[in-house]
Amino acid sequence: MQQADVFVLFGGSILYGVDILAQAIKNNIAKKYIVVGGFGHTTATLQQNVIAKYPDIPANKMSEAEIFAAL
């Protein structure tokens, strides 16, 4: 498979996206990696999921991209 120029992880409430990103980085899928996501309709759910699983991350004050970067 040819290496992609960019791999983009779009924010959302599903934590599994971070595992996919990590796997992509490990397999050198792309030349660059971008995590995007602000504050939207899934942010509160993501924040709750992260706080429950990772209480040391202050997710209630973070955007989706910031949360995924912290994971």
PDB file of N, CA and C in Angstrom:
ATOM      1  N   MET A   1       0.837  -1.164   0.000  1.00  0.00           N
ATOM      2  CA  MET A   1       0.000   0.000   0.000  1.00  0.00           C
ATOM      3  C   MET A   1       0.893   1.242   0.000  1.00  0.00           C
ATOM      4  N   GLN A   2       0.498   2.241  -0.776  1.00  0.00           N
ATOM      5  CA  GLN A   2       1.235   3.489  -0.839  1.00  0.00           C
ATOM      6  C   GLN A   2       0.948   4.340   0.399  1.00  0.00           C
ATOM      7  N   GLN A   3       1.965   5.011   0.898  1.00  0.00           N
ATOM      8  CA  GLN A   3       1.809   5.859   2.082  1.00  0.00           C
ATOM      9  C   GLN A   3       0.980   7.096   1.735  1.00  0.00           C
ATOM     10  N   ALA A   4       0.004   7.394   2.579  1.00  0.00           N
ATOM     11  CA  ALA A   4      -0.839   8.579   2.390  1.00  0.00           C
ATOM     12  C   ALA A   4      -0.072   9.825   2.813  1.00  0.00           C
ATOM     13  N   ASP A   5      -0.468  10.960   2.272  1.00  0.00           N
ATOM     14  CA  ASP A   5       0.145  12.220   2.685  1.00  0.00           C
ATOM     15  C   ASP A   5      -0.287  12.597   4.101  1.00  0.00           C
ATOM     16  N   VAL A   6      -1.588  12.407   4.393  1.00  0.00           N
ATOM     17  CA  VAL A   6      -2.141  12.831   5.679  1.00  0.00           C
ATOM     18  C   VAL A   6      -3.160  11.816   6.182  1.00  0.00           C
ATOM     19  N   PHE A   7      -3.140  11.568   7.489  1.00  0.00           N
ATOM     20  CA  PHE A   7      -4.160  10.767   8.168  1.00  0.00           C
ATOM     21  C   PHE A   7      -4.860  11.717   9.125  1.00  0.00           C
ATOM     22  N   VAL A   8      -6.177  11.826   9.005  1.00  0.00           N
ATOM     23  CA  VAL A   8      -6.937  12.750   9.842  1.00  0.00           C
ATOM     24  C   VAL A   8      -7.858  11.962  10.765  1.00  0.00           C
ATOM     25  N   LEU A   9      -7.738  12.227  12.065  1.00  0.00           N
ATOM     26  CA  LEU A   9      -8.676  11.673  13.041  1.00  0.00           C
ATOM     27  C   LEU A   9      -9.651  12.777  13.388  1.00  0.00           C
ATOM     28  N   PHE A  10     -10.902  12.592  13.004  1.00  0.00           N
ATOM     29  CA  PHE A  10     -11.941  13.556  13.335  1.00  0.00           C
ATOM     30  C   PHE A  10     -12.459  13.251  14.732  1.00  0.00           C
ATOM     31  N   GLY A  11     -12.658  14.291  15.513  1.00  0.00           N
ATOM     32  CA  GLY A  11     -13.164  14.118  16.868  1.00  0.00           C
ATOM     33  C   GLY A  11     -14.518  13.433  16.867  1.00  0.00           C
ATOM     34  N   GLY A  12     -15.002  13.171  18.016  1.00  0.00           N
ATOM     35  CA  GLY A  12     -16.270  12.483  18.203  1.00  0.00           C
ATOM     36  C   GLY A  12     -16.272  11.885  19.589  1.00  0.00           C
ATOM     37  N   SER A  13     -17.233  11.055  19.859  1.00  0.00           N
ATOM     38  CA  SER A  13     -17.345  10.506  21.213  1.00  0.00           C
ATOM     39  C   SER A  13     -16.786   9.100  21.348  1.00  0.00           C
ATOM     40  N   ILE A  14     -16.264   8.538  20.289  1.00  0.00           N
ATOM     41  CA  ILE A  14     -15.789   7.151  20.314  1.00  0.00           C
ATOM     42  C   ILE A  14     -14.287   7.118  20.593  1.00  0.00           C
ATOM     43  N   LEU A  15     -13.929   6.606  21.751  1.00  0.00           N
ATOM     44  CA  LEU A  15     -12.528   6.563  22.162  1.00  0.00           C
ATOM     45  C   LEU A  15     -11.683   5.640  21.288  1.00  0.00           C
ATOM     46  N   TYR A  16     -12.295   4.686  20.648  1.00  0.00           N
ATOM     47  CA  TYR A  16     -11.561   3.718  19.831  1.00  0.00           C
ATOM     48  C   TYR A  16     -10.796   4.399  18.696  1.00  0.00           C
ATOM     49  N   GLY A  17     -11.209   5.602  18.327  1.00  0.00           N
ATOM     50  CA  GLY A  17     -10.500   6.337  17.280  1.00  0.00           C
ATOM     51  C   GLY A  17      -9.028   6.528  17.595  1.00  0.00           C
ATOM     52  N   VAL A  18      -8.697   6.692  18.863  1.00  0.00           N
ATOM     53  CA  VAL A  18      -7.300   6.852  19.270  1.00  0.00           C
ATOM     54  C   VAL A  18      -6.514   5.576  18.998  1.00  0.00           C
ATOM     55  N   ASP A  19      -7.131   4.430  19.210  1.00  0.00           N
ATOM     56  CA  ASP A  19      -6.462   3.157  18.923  1.00  0.00           C
ATOM     57  C   ASP A  19      -6.165   3.022  17.432  1.00  0.00           C
ATOM     58  N   ILE A  20      -7.111   3.457  16.609  1.00  0.00           N
ATOM     59  CA  ILE A  20      -6.911   3.412  15.158  1.00  0.00           C
ATOM     60  C   ILE A  20      -5.772   4.346  14.760  1.00  0.00           C
ATOM     61  N   LEU A  21      -5.745   5.543  15.341  1.00  0.00           N
ATOM     62  CA  LEU A  21      -4.659   6.490  15.065  1.00  0.00           C
ATOM     63  C   LEU A  21      -3.313   5.900  15.473  1.00  0.00           C
ATOM     64  N   ALA A  22      -3.241   5.317  16.650  1.00  0.00           N
ATOM     65  CA  ALA A  22      -1.990   4.718  17.127  1.00  0.00           C
ATOM     66  C   ALA A  22      -1.526   3.603  16.200  1.00  0.00           C
ATOM     67  N   GLN A  23      -2.466   2.801  15.746  1.00  0.00           N
ATOM     68  CA  GLN A  23      -2.134   1.716  14.819  1.00  0.00           C
ATOM     69  C   GLN A  23      -1.627   2.280  13.492  1.00  0.00           C
ATOM     70  N   ALA A  24      -2.247   3.349  13.016  1.00  0.00           N
ATOM     71  CA  ALA A  24      -1.818   3.981  11.766  1.00  0.00           C
ATOM     72  C   ALA A  24      -0.399   4.533  11.899  1.00  0.00           C
ATOM     73  N   ILE A  25      -0.121   5.173  13.038  1.00  0.00           N
ATOM     74  CA  ILE A  25       1.224   5.708  13.267  1.00  0.00           C
ATOM     75  C   ILE A  25       2.240   4.573  13.337  1.00  0.00           C
ATOM     76  N   LYS A  26       1.903   3.521  14.056  1.00  0.00           N
ATOM     77  CA  LYS A  26       2.799   2.365  14.190  1.00  0.00           C
ATOM     78  C   LYS A  26       3.118   1.752  12.831  1.00  0.00           C
ATOM     79  N   ASN A  27       2.112   1.720  11.960  1.00  0.00           N
ATOM     80  CA  ASN A  27       2.287   1.122  10.637  1.00  0.00           C
ATOM     81  C   ASN A  27       2.750   2.128   9.586  1.00  0.00           C
ATOM     82  N   ASN A  28       3.054   3.356  10.027  1.00  0.00           N
ATOM     83  CA  ASN A  28       3.569   4.390   9.132  1.00  0.00           C
ATOM     84  C   ASN A  28       2.663   4.592   7.910  1.00  0.00           C
ATOM     85  N   ILE A  29       1.366   4.674   8.166  1.00  0.00           N
ATOM     86  CA  ILE A  29       0.363   4.795   7.110  1.00  0.00           C
ATOM     87  C   ILE A  29       0.473   6.119   6.365  1.00  0.00           C
ATOM     88  N   ALA A  30       0.846   7.182   7.082  1.00  0.00           N
ATOM     89  CA  ALA A  30       0.868   8.512   6.470  1.00  0.00           C
ATOM     90  C   ALA A  30       2.144   9.267   6.829  1.00  0.00           C
ATOM     91  N   LYS A  31       2.384  10.324   6.059  1.00  0.00           N
ATOM     92  CA  LYS A  31       3.534  11.187   6.328  1.00  0.00           C
ATOM     93  C   LYS A  31       3.253  12.138   7.491  1.00  0.00           C
ATOM     94  N   LYS A  32       1.996  12.549   7.632  1.00  0.00           N
ATOM     95  CA  LYS A  32       1.594  13.468   8.701  1.00  0.00           C
ATOM     96  C   LYS A  32       0.279  12.993   9.303  1.00  0.00           C
ATOM     97  N   TYR A  33       0.061  13.370  10.567  1.00  0.00           N
ATOM     98  CA  TYR A  33      -1.154  12.987  11.291  1.00  0.00           C
ATOM     99  C   TYR A  33      -1.777  14.237  11.898  1.00  0.00           C
ATOM    100  N   ILE A  34      -3.088  14.360  11.748  1.00  0.00           N
ATOM    101  CA  ILE A  34      -3.810  15.521  12.256  1.00  0.00           C
ATOM    102  C   ILE A  34      -4.999  15.040  13.078  1.00  0.00           C
ATOM    103  N   VAL A  35      -5.182  15.652  14.232  1.00  0.00           N
ATOM    104  CA  VAL A  35      -6.357  15.388  15.063  1.00  0.00           C
ATOM    105  C   VAL A  35      -7.183  16.668  15.072  1.00  0.00           C
ATOM    106  N   VAL A  36      -8.449  16.569  14.661  1.00  0.00           N
ATOM    107  CA  VAL A  36      -9.316  17.746  14.606  1.00  0.00           C
ATOM    108  C   VAL A  36     -10.558  17.523  15.450  1.00  0.00           C
ATOM    109  N   GLY A  37     -11.116  18.600  15.935  1.00  0.00           N
ATOM    110  CA  GLY A  37     -12.356  18.525  16.699  1.00  0.00           C
ATOM    111  C   GLY A  37     -12.437  19.665  17.686  1.00  0.00           C
ATOM    112  N   GLY A  38     -13.524  20.331  17.662  1.00  0.00           N
ATOM    113  CA  GLY A  38     -13.728  21.463  18.562  1.00  0.00           C
ATOM    114  C   GLY A  38     -14.715  21.099  19.646  1.00  0.00           C
ATOM    115  N   PHE A  39     -15.699  21.944  19.806  1.00  0.00           N
ATOM    116  CA  PHE A  39     -16.780  21.722  20.761  1.00  0.00           C
ATOM    117  C   PHE A  39     -18.061  21.600  19.950  1.00  0.00           C
ATOM    118  N   GLY A  40     -18.699  20.437  20.005  1.00  0.00           N
ATOM    119  CA  GLY A  40     -19.910  20.221  19.223  1.00  0.00           C
ATOM    120  C   GLY A  40     -20.863  19.273  19.915  1.00  0.00           C
ATOM    121  N   HIS A  41     -21.703  18.642  19.098  1.00  0.00           N
ATOM    122  CA  HIS A  41     -22.776  17.809  19.649  1.00  0.00           C
ATOM    123  C   HIS A  41     -22.279  16.536  20.333  1.00  0.00           C
ATOM    124  N   THR A  42     -21.053  16.109  20.078  1.00  0.00           N
ATOM    125  CA  THR A  42     -20.538  14.892  20.723  1.00  0.00           C
ATOM    126  C   THR A  42     -19.533  15.182  21.838  1.00  0.00           C
ATOM    127  N   THR A  43     -19.195  16.440  22.023  1.00  0.00           N
ATOM    128  CA  THR A  43     -18.141  16.790  22.984  1.00  0.00           C
ATOM    129  C   THR A  43     -18.469  16.363  24.410  1.00  0.00           C
ATOM    130  N   ALA A  44     -19.660  16.645  24.873  1.00  0.00           N
ATOM    131  CA  ALA A  44     -20.024  16.306  26.259  1.00  0.00           C
ATOM    132  C   ALA A  44     -19.921  14.805  26.512  1.00  0.00           C
ATOM    133  N   THR A  45     -20.356  14.003  25.549  1.00  0.00           N
ATOM    134  CA  THR A  45     -20.268  12.544  25.698  1.00  0.00           C
ATOM    135  C   THR A  45     -18.817  12.101  25.750  1.00  0.00           C
ATOM    136  N   LEU A  46     -17.990  12.649  24.875  1.00  0.00           N
ATOM    137  CA  LEU A  46     -16.568  12.313  24.885  1.00  0.00           C
ATOM    138  C   LEU A  46     -15.937  12.708  26.217  1.00  0.00           C
ATOM    139  N   GLN A  47     -16.238  13.900  26.687  1.00  0.00           N
ATOM    140  CA  GLN A  47     -15.689  14.350  27.966  1.00  0.00           C
ATOM    141  C   GLN A  47     -16.075  13.403  29.095  1.00  0.00           C
ATOM    142  N   GLN A  48     -17.323  12.994  29.150  1.00  0.00           N
ATOM    143  CA  GLN A  48     -17.786  12.073  30.189  1.00  0.00           C
ATOM    144  C   GLN A  48     -17.083  10.725  30.089  1.00  0.00           C
ATOM    145  N   ASN A  49     -16.939  10.211  28.864  1.00  0.00           N
ATOM    146  CA  ASN A  49     -16.270   8.922  28.661  1.00  0.00           C
ATOM    147  C   ASN A  49     -14.816   8.976  29.118  1.00  0.00           C
ATOM    148  N   VAL A  50     -14.136  10.060  28.785  1.00  0.00           N
ATOM    149  CA  VAL A  50     -12.725  10.191  29.153  1.00  0.00           C
ATOM    150  C   VAL A  50     -12.566  10.366  30.660  1.00  0.00           C
ATOM    151  N   ILE A  51     -13.393  11.199  31.263  1.00  0.00           N
ATOM    152  CA  ILE A  51     -13.314  11.404  32.717  1.00  0.00           C
ATOM    153  C   ILE A  51     -13.541  10.089  33.463  1.00  0.00           C
ATOM    154  N   ALA A  52     -14.462   9.269  32.976  1.00  0.00           N
ATOM    155  CA  ALA A  52     -14.739   7.980  33.618  1.00  0.00           C
ATOM    156  C   ALA A  52     -13.567   7.011  33.487  1.00  0.00           C
ATOM    157  N   LYS A  53     -12.911   7.026  32.332  1.00  0.00           N
ATOM    158  CA  LYS A  53     -11.840   6.062  32.073  1.00  0.00           C
ATOM    159  C   LYS A  53     -10.457   6.592  32.458  1.00  0.00           C
ATOM    160  N   TYR A  54     -10.264   7.892  32.313  1.00  0.00           N
ATOM    161  CA  TYR A  54      -8.972   8.526  32.590  1.00  0.00           C
ATOM    162  C   TYR A  54      -9.183   9.748  33.492  1.00  0.00           C
ATOM    163  N   PRO A  55      -9.405   9.555  34.777  1.00  0.00           N
ATOM    164  CA  PRO A  55      -9.744  10.669  35.671  1.00  0.00           C
ATOM    165  C   PRO A  55      -8.653  11.734  35.810  1.00  0.00           C
ATOM    166  N   ASP A  56      -7.421  11.426  35.428  1.00  0.00           N
ATOM    167  CA  ASP A  56      -6.342  12.408  35.529  1.00  0.00           C
ATOM    168  C   ASP A  56      -6.347  13.424  34.384  1.00  0.00           C
ATOM    169  N   ILE A  57      -7.125  13.168  33.342  1.00  0.00           N
ATOM    170  CA  ILE A  57      -7.215  14.099  32.212  1.00  0.00           C
ATOM    171  C   ILE A  57      -8.377  15.055  32.468  1.00  0.00           C
ATOM    172  N   PRO A  58      -8.129  16.368  32.507  1.00  0.00           N
ATOM    173  CA  PRO A  58      -9.200  17.350  32.779  1.00  0.00           C
ATOM    174  C   PRO A  58     -10.068  17.594  31.545  1.00  0.00           C
ATOM    175  N   ALA A  59     -10.721  16.561  31.081  1.00  0.00           N
ATOM    176  CA  ALA A  59     -11.444  16.592  29.811  1.00  0.00           C
ATOM    177  C   ALA A  59     -12.590  17.587  29.779  1.00  0.00           C
ATOM    178  N   ASN A  60     -13.149  17.922  30.921  1.00  0.00           N
ATOM    179  CA  ASN A  60     -14.305  18.823  30.930  1.00  0.00           C
ATOM    180  C   ASN A  60     -13.959  20.229  30.454  1.00  0.00           C
ATOM    181  N   LYS A  61     -12.674  20.541  30.337  1.00  0.00           N
ATOM    182  CA  LYS A  61     -12.236  21.857  29.870  1.00  0.00           C
ATOM    183  C   LYS A  61     -11.546  21.786  28.510  1.00  0.00           C
ATOM    184  N   MET A  62     -11.617  20.622  27.851  1.00  0.00           N
ATOM    185  CA  MET A  62     -10.848  20.405  26.626  1.00  0.00           C
ATOM    186  C   MET A  62     -11.748  20.196  25.416  1.00  0.00           C
ATOM    187  N   SER A  63     -11.237  20.603  24.243  1.00  0.00           N
ATOM    188  CA  SER A  63     -11.932  20.319  22.987  1.00  0.00           C
ATOM    189  C   SER A  63     -11.713  18.854  22.626  1.00  0.00           C
ATOM    190  N   GLU A  64     -12.427  18.382  21.627  1.00  0.00           N
ATOM    191  CA  GLU A  64     -12.271  16.990  21.202  1.00  0.00           C
ATOM    192  C   GLU A  64     -10.843  16.724  20.737  1.00  0.00           C
ATOM    193  N   ALA A  65     -10.261  17.619  19.967  1.00  0.00           N
ATOM    194  CA  ALA A  65      -8.889  17.432  19.495  1.00  0.00           C
ATOM    195  C   ALA A  65      -7.906  17.406  20.659  1.00  0.00           C
ATOM    196  N   GLU A  66      -8.099  18.279  21.629  1.00  0.00           N
ATOM    197  CA  GLU A  66      -7.216  18.306  22.801  1.00  0.00           C
ATOM    198  C   GLU A  66      -7.327  17.014  23.598  1.00  0.00           C
ATOM    199  N   ILE A  67      -8.535  16.502  23.719  1.00  0.00           N
ATOM    200  CA  ILE A  67      -8.740  15.245  24.449  1.00  0.00           C
ATOM    201  C   ILE A  67      -8.035  14.102  23.747  1.00  0.00           C
ATOM    202  N   PHE A  68      -8.251  13.966  22.442  1.00  0.00           N
ATOM    203  CA  PHE A  68      -7.617  12.871  21.709  1.00  0.00           C
ATOM    204  C   PHE A  68      -6.099  13.004  21.730  1.00  0.00           C
ATOM    205  N   ALA A  69      -5.583  14.215  21.677  1.00  0.00           N
ATOM    206  CA  ALA A  69      -4.134  14.412  21.758  1.00  0.00           C
ATOM    207  C   ALA A  69      -3.608  13.996  23.130  1.00  0.00           C
ATOM    208  N   ALA A  70      -4.388  14.237  24.179  1.00  0.00           N
ATOM    209  CA  ALA A  70      -3.973  13.872  25.539  1.00  0.00           C
ATOM    210  C   ALA A  70      -3.972  12.366  25.762  1.00  0.00           C
ATOM    211  N   LEU A  71      -4.821  11.662  25.024  1.00  0.00           N
ATOM    212  CA  LEU A  71      -4.890  10.214  25.185  1.00  0.00           C
ATOM    213  C   LEU A  71      -3.664   9.560  24.589  1.00  0.00           C
TER     214      LEU A  71
END
